[in-house]
Amino acid sequence: MNRTRLDDVMAATGSSKSQLSHHFPDNEALVAAVIARRAEVILERETALLARVDSMRGLERGSFVAMSTPSPSPPA
């Protein structure tokens, strides 16, 4: 995140600086929103994986799979 520039965010989202400023009053608010969204994506994935667990052994196997599976890229 430290290396991400505002220009990168604008290019990835198709937004202008004024649009970003309208939704995010400062960089901290933008970073907080990115972190919240990433957490939401991770929790959705983990919830789906845990819904399929029916035993302790399944939980152990599922934990290994979940930890070794990269998080999906957030939608643009």
N, C-alpha and C. Protein backbone atom coordinates (compact mmCIF):
# COMPACT_ATOMS: atom_id res chain seq x y z
N MET A 1 0.82 -1.19 0.00
CA MET A 1 0.00 0.00 0.00
C MET A 1 0.87 1.26 0.00
N ASN A 2 2.01 1.22 0.64
CA ASN A 2 2.85 2.41 0.70
C ASN A 2 3.33 2.84 -0.68
N ARG A 3 3.45 1.90 -1.59
CA ARG A 3 3.95 2.22 -2.92
C ARG A 3 2.84 2.58 -3.89
N THR A 4 1.60 2.45 -3.49
CA THR A 4 0.49 2.79 -4.37
C THR A 4 0.32 4.30 -4.40
N ARG A 5 0.30 4.82 -5.59
CA ARG A 5 0.14 6.27 -5.75
C ARG A 5 -1.31 6.59 -6.08
N LEU A 6 -1.70 7.82 -5.82
CA LEU A 6 -3.06 8.25 -6.12
C LEU A 6 -3.34 8.08 -7.61
N ASP A 7 -2.35 8.33 -8.45
CA ASP A 7 -2.51 8.12 -9.89
C ASP A 7 -2.85 6.67 -10.20
N ASP A 8 -2.25 5.72 -9.45
CA ASP A 8 -2.55 4.30 -9.64
C ASP A 8 -4.01 4.00 -9.29
N VAL A 9 -4.48 4.58 -8.20
CA VAL A 9 -5.87 4.37 -7.77
C VAL A 9 -6.82 4.95 -8.80
N MET A 10 -6.51 6.15 -9.29
CA MET A 10 -7.38 6.78 -10.28
C MET A 10 -7.43 5.96 -11.56
N ALA A 11 -6.28 5.44 -11.99
CA ALA A 11 -6.25 4.63 -13.21
C ALA A 11 -7.03 3.33 -13.03
N ALA A 12 -6.87 2.69 -11.88
CA ALA A 12 -7.54 1.40 -11.63
C ALA A 12 -9.04 1.54 -11.50
N THR A 13 -9.49 2.68 -10.98
CA THR A 13 -10.92 2.87 -10.74
C THR A 13 -11.61 3.71 -11.80
N GLY A 14 -10.82 4.33 -12.66
CA GLY A 14 -11.41 5.21 -13.66
C GLY A 14 -11.98 6.48 -13.04
N SER A 15 -11.45 6.84 -11.89
CA SER A 15 -11.95 8.02 -11.16
C SER A 15 -11.01 9.20 -11.35
N SER A 16 -11.56 10.36 -11.11
CA SER A 16 -10.74 11.57 -11.11
C SER A 16 -10.35 11.88 -9.67
N LYS A 17 -9.39 12.78 -9.54
CA LYS A 17 -8.97 13.18 -8.20
C LYS A 17 -10.13 13.81 -7.44
N SER A 18 -10.95 14.60 -8.11
CA SER A 18 -12.08 15.25 -7.43
C SER A 18 -13.11 14.22 -6.97
N GLN A 19 -13.31 13.16 -7.77
CA GLN A 19 -14.25 12.10 -7.35
C GLN A 19 -13.73 11.38 -6.11
N LEU A 20 -12.44 11.06 -6.11
CA LEU A 20 -11.87 10.39 -4.93
C LEU A 20 -11.96 11.30 -3.71
N SER A 21 -11.66 12.58 -3.90
CA SER A 21 -11.72 13.53 -2.78
C SER A 21 -13.13 13.67 -2.24
N HIS A 22 -14.12 13.52 -3.11
CA HIS A 22 -15.51 13.61 -2.68
C HIS A 22 -15.87 12.46 -1.74
N HIS A 23 -15.39 11.26 -2.06
CA HIS A 23 -15.73 10.06 -1.27
C HIS A 23 -14.78 9.82 -0.11
N PHE A 24 -13.54 10.27 -0.25
CA PHE A 24 -12.53 10.02 0.78
C PHE A 24 -11.86 11.35 1.13
N PRO A 25 -12.14 11.88 2.31
CA PRO A 25 -11.63 13.19 2.67
C PRO A 25 -10.10 13.27 2.78
N ASP A 26 -9.46 12.11 3.03
CA ASP A 26 -8.00 12.09 3.11
C ASP A 26 -7.50 10.69 2.78
N ASN A 27 -6.19 10.55 2.71
CA ASN A 27 -5.59 9.26 2.37
C ASN A 27 -5.92 8.19 3.40
N GLU A 28 -6.00 8.56 4.65
CA GLU A 28 -6.33 7.58 5.69
C GLU A 28 -7.71 6.97 5.45
N ALA A 29 -8.65 7.77 5.03
CA ALA A 29 -10.00 7.26 4.76
C ALA A 29 -9.98 6.31 3.57
N LEU A 30 -9.19 6.63 2.56
CA LEU A 30 -9.07 5.75 1.40
C LEU A 30 -8.42 4.43 1.79
N VAL A 31 -7.35 4.48 2.55
CA VAL A 31 -6.68 3.26 3.01
C VAL A 31 -7.62 2.43 3.87
N ALA A 32 -8.36 3.07 4.76
CA ALA A 32 -9.31 2.35 5.62
C ALA A 32 -10.37 1.64 4.77
N ALA A 33 -10.84 2.29 3.72
CA ALA A 33 -11.84 1.67 2.85
C ALA A 33 -11.26 0.48 2.10
N VAL A 34 -10.02 0.59 1.66
CA VAL A 34 -9.37 -0.53 0.96
C VAL A 34 -9.20 -1.70 1.91
N ILE A 35 -8.75 -1.44 3.12
CA ILE A 35 -8.56 -2.50 4.11
C ILE A 35 -9.90 -3.16 4.45
N ALA A 36 -10.93 -2.35 4.63
CA ALA A 36 -12.26 -2.90 4.94
C ALA A 36 -12.76 -3.79 3.82
N ARG A 37 -12.55 -3.37 2.58
CA ARG A 37 -13.01 -4.18 1.44
C ARG A 37 -12.24 -5.48 1.34
N ARG A 38 -10.92 -5.43 1.53
CA ARG A 38 -10.11 -6.65 1.49
C ARG A 38 -10.55 -7.61 2.59
N ALA A 39 -10.82 -7.08 3.78
CA ALA A 39 -11.29 -7.92 4.89
C ALA A 39 -12.62 -8.56 4.54
N GLU A 40 -13.50 -7.80 3.91
CA GLU A 40 -14.80 -8.33 3.50
C GLU A 40 -14.65 -9.48 2.51
N VAL A 41 -13.76 -9.33 1.55
CA VAL A 41 -13.52 -10.38 0.55
C VAL A 41 -12.97 -11.63 1.22
N ILE A 42 -12.02 -11.45 2.12
CA ILE A 42 -11.42 -12.58 2.83
C ILE A 42 -12.46 -13.29 3.68
N LEU A 43 -13.26 -12.53 4.42
CA LEU A 43 -14.29 -13.15 5.27
C LEU A 43 -15.33 -13.89 4.45
N GLU A 44 -15.70 -13.35 3.30
CA GLU A 44 -16.65 -14.06 2.43
C GLU A 44 -16.07 -15.40 1.99
N ARG A 45 -14.80 -15.38 1.58
CA ARG A 45 -14.15 -16.61 1.14
C ARG A 45 -14.05 -17.64 2.28
N GLU A 46 -13.62 -17.18 3.44
CA GLU A 46 -13.46 -18.09 4.58
C GLU A 46 -14.81 -18.63 5.05
N THR A 47 -15.84 -17.80 5.03
CA THR A 47 -17.17 -18.24 5.42
C THR A 47 -17.66 -19.35 4.49
N ALA A 48 -17.42 -19.17 3.19
CA ALA A 48 -17.82 -20.20 2.23
C ALA A 48 -17.06 -21.50 2.46
N LEU A 49 -15.77 -21.40 2.75
CA LEU A 49 -14.97 -22.60 3.02
C LEU A 49 -15.44 -23.29 4.30
N LEU A 50 -15.70 -22.51 5.34
CA LEU A 50 -16.11 -23.10 6.62
C LEU A 50 -17.50 -23.73 6.54
N ALA A 51 -18.33 -23.25 5.66
CA ALA A 51 -19.67 -23.81 5.52
C ALA A 51 -19.61 -25.27 5.05
N ARG A 52 -18.52 -25.66 4.41
CA ARG A 52 -18.39 -27.03 3.91
C ARG A 52 -17.74 -27.97 4.92
N VAL A 53 -17.28 -27.47 6.04
CA VAL A 53 -16.59 -28.29 7.04
C VAL A 53 -17.60 -29.06 7.87
N ASP A 54 -17.37 -30.37 8.00
CA ASP A 54 -18.29 -31.18 8.80
C ASP A 54 -17.58 -32.01 9.86
N SER A 55 -16.27 -31.80 10.04
CA SER A 55 -15.52 -32.53 11.07
C SER A 55 -14.26 -31.75 11.42
N MET A 56 -13.63 -32.14 12.51
CA MET A 56 -12.38 -31.50 12.91
C MET A 56 -11.31 -31.75 11.86
N ARG A 57 -11.27 -32.94 11.33
CA ARG A 57 -10.29 -33.26 10.28
C ARG A 57 -10.55 -32.38 9.04
N GLY A 58 -11.79 -32.19 8.72
CA GLY A 58 -12.13 -31.32 7.60
C GLY A 58 -11.70 -29.89 7.86
N LEU A 59 -11.83 -29.47 9.11
CA LEU A 59 -11.39 -28.12 9.48
C LEU A 59 -9.88 -28.00 9.32
N GLU A 60 -9.15 -29.01 9.78
CA GLU A 60 -7.69 -29.00 9.64
C GLU A 60 -7.27 -28.97 8.17
N ARG A 61 -7.90 -29.78 7.35
CA ARG A 61 -7.59 -29.78 5.92
C ARG A 61 -7.99 -28.46 5.29
N GLY A 62 -9.15 -27.96 5.64
CA GLY A 62 -9.63 -26.70 5.09
C GLY A 62 -8.76 -25.53 5.47
N SER A 63 -8.24 -25.54 6.70
CA SER A 63 -7.36 -24.45 7.13
C SER A 63 -6.10 -24.42 6.30
N PHE A 64 -5.57 -25.60 6.00
CA PHE A 64 -4.36 -25.66 5.19
C PHE A 64 -4.65 -25.12 3.79
N VAL A 65 -5.77 -25.53 3.22
CA VAL A 65 -6.13 -25.07 1.87
C VAL A 65 -6.36 -23.57 1.87
N ALA A 66 -7.07 -23.06 2.87
CA ALA A 66 -7.38 -21.64 2.92
C ALA A 66 -6.12 -20.80 3.07
N MET A 67 -5.18 -21.28 3.89
CA MET A 67 -3.96 -20.51 4.09
C MET A 67 -3.05 -20.56 2.87
N SER A 68 -3.16 -21.60 2.08
CA SER A 68 -2.29 -21.73 0.92
C SER A 68 -2.90 -21.17 -0.35
N THR A 69 -4.17 -20.73 -0.28
CA THR A 69 -4.87 -20.18 -1.43
C THR A 69 -4.79 -18.67 -1.39
N PRO A 70 -4.23 -18.05 -2.43
CA PRO A 70 -4.16 -16.59 -2.41
C PRO A 70 -5.53 -15.95 -2.47
N SER A 71 -5.64 -14.79 -1.86
CA SER A 71 -6.90 -14.04 -1.91
C SER A 71 -7.14 -13.57 -3.33
N PRO A 72 -8.40 -13.57 -3.74
CA PRO A 72 -8.69 -13.05 -5.08
C PRO A 72 -8.44 -11.55 -5.12
N SER A 73 -8.12 -11.07 -6.30
CA SER A 73 -7.93 -9.63 -6.46
C SER A 73 -9.28 -8.94 -6.28
N PRO A 74 -9.28 -7.78 -5.64
CA PRO A 74 -10.56 -7.08 -5.46
C PRO A 74 -11.09 -6.63 -6.82
N PRO A 75 -12.41 -6.58 -6.94
CA PRO A 75 -12.98 -6.12 -8.20
C PRO A 75 -12.62 -4.67 -8.47
N ALA A 76 -12.46 -4.35 -9.72
CA ALA A 76 -12.09 -2.97 -10.08
C ALA A 76 -13.29 -2.06 -10.05
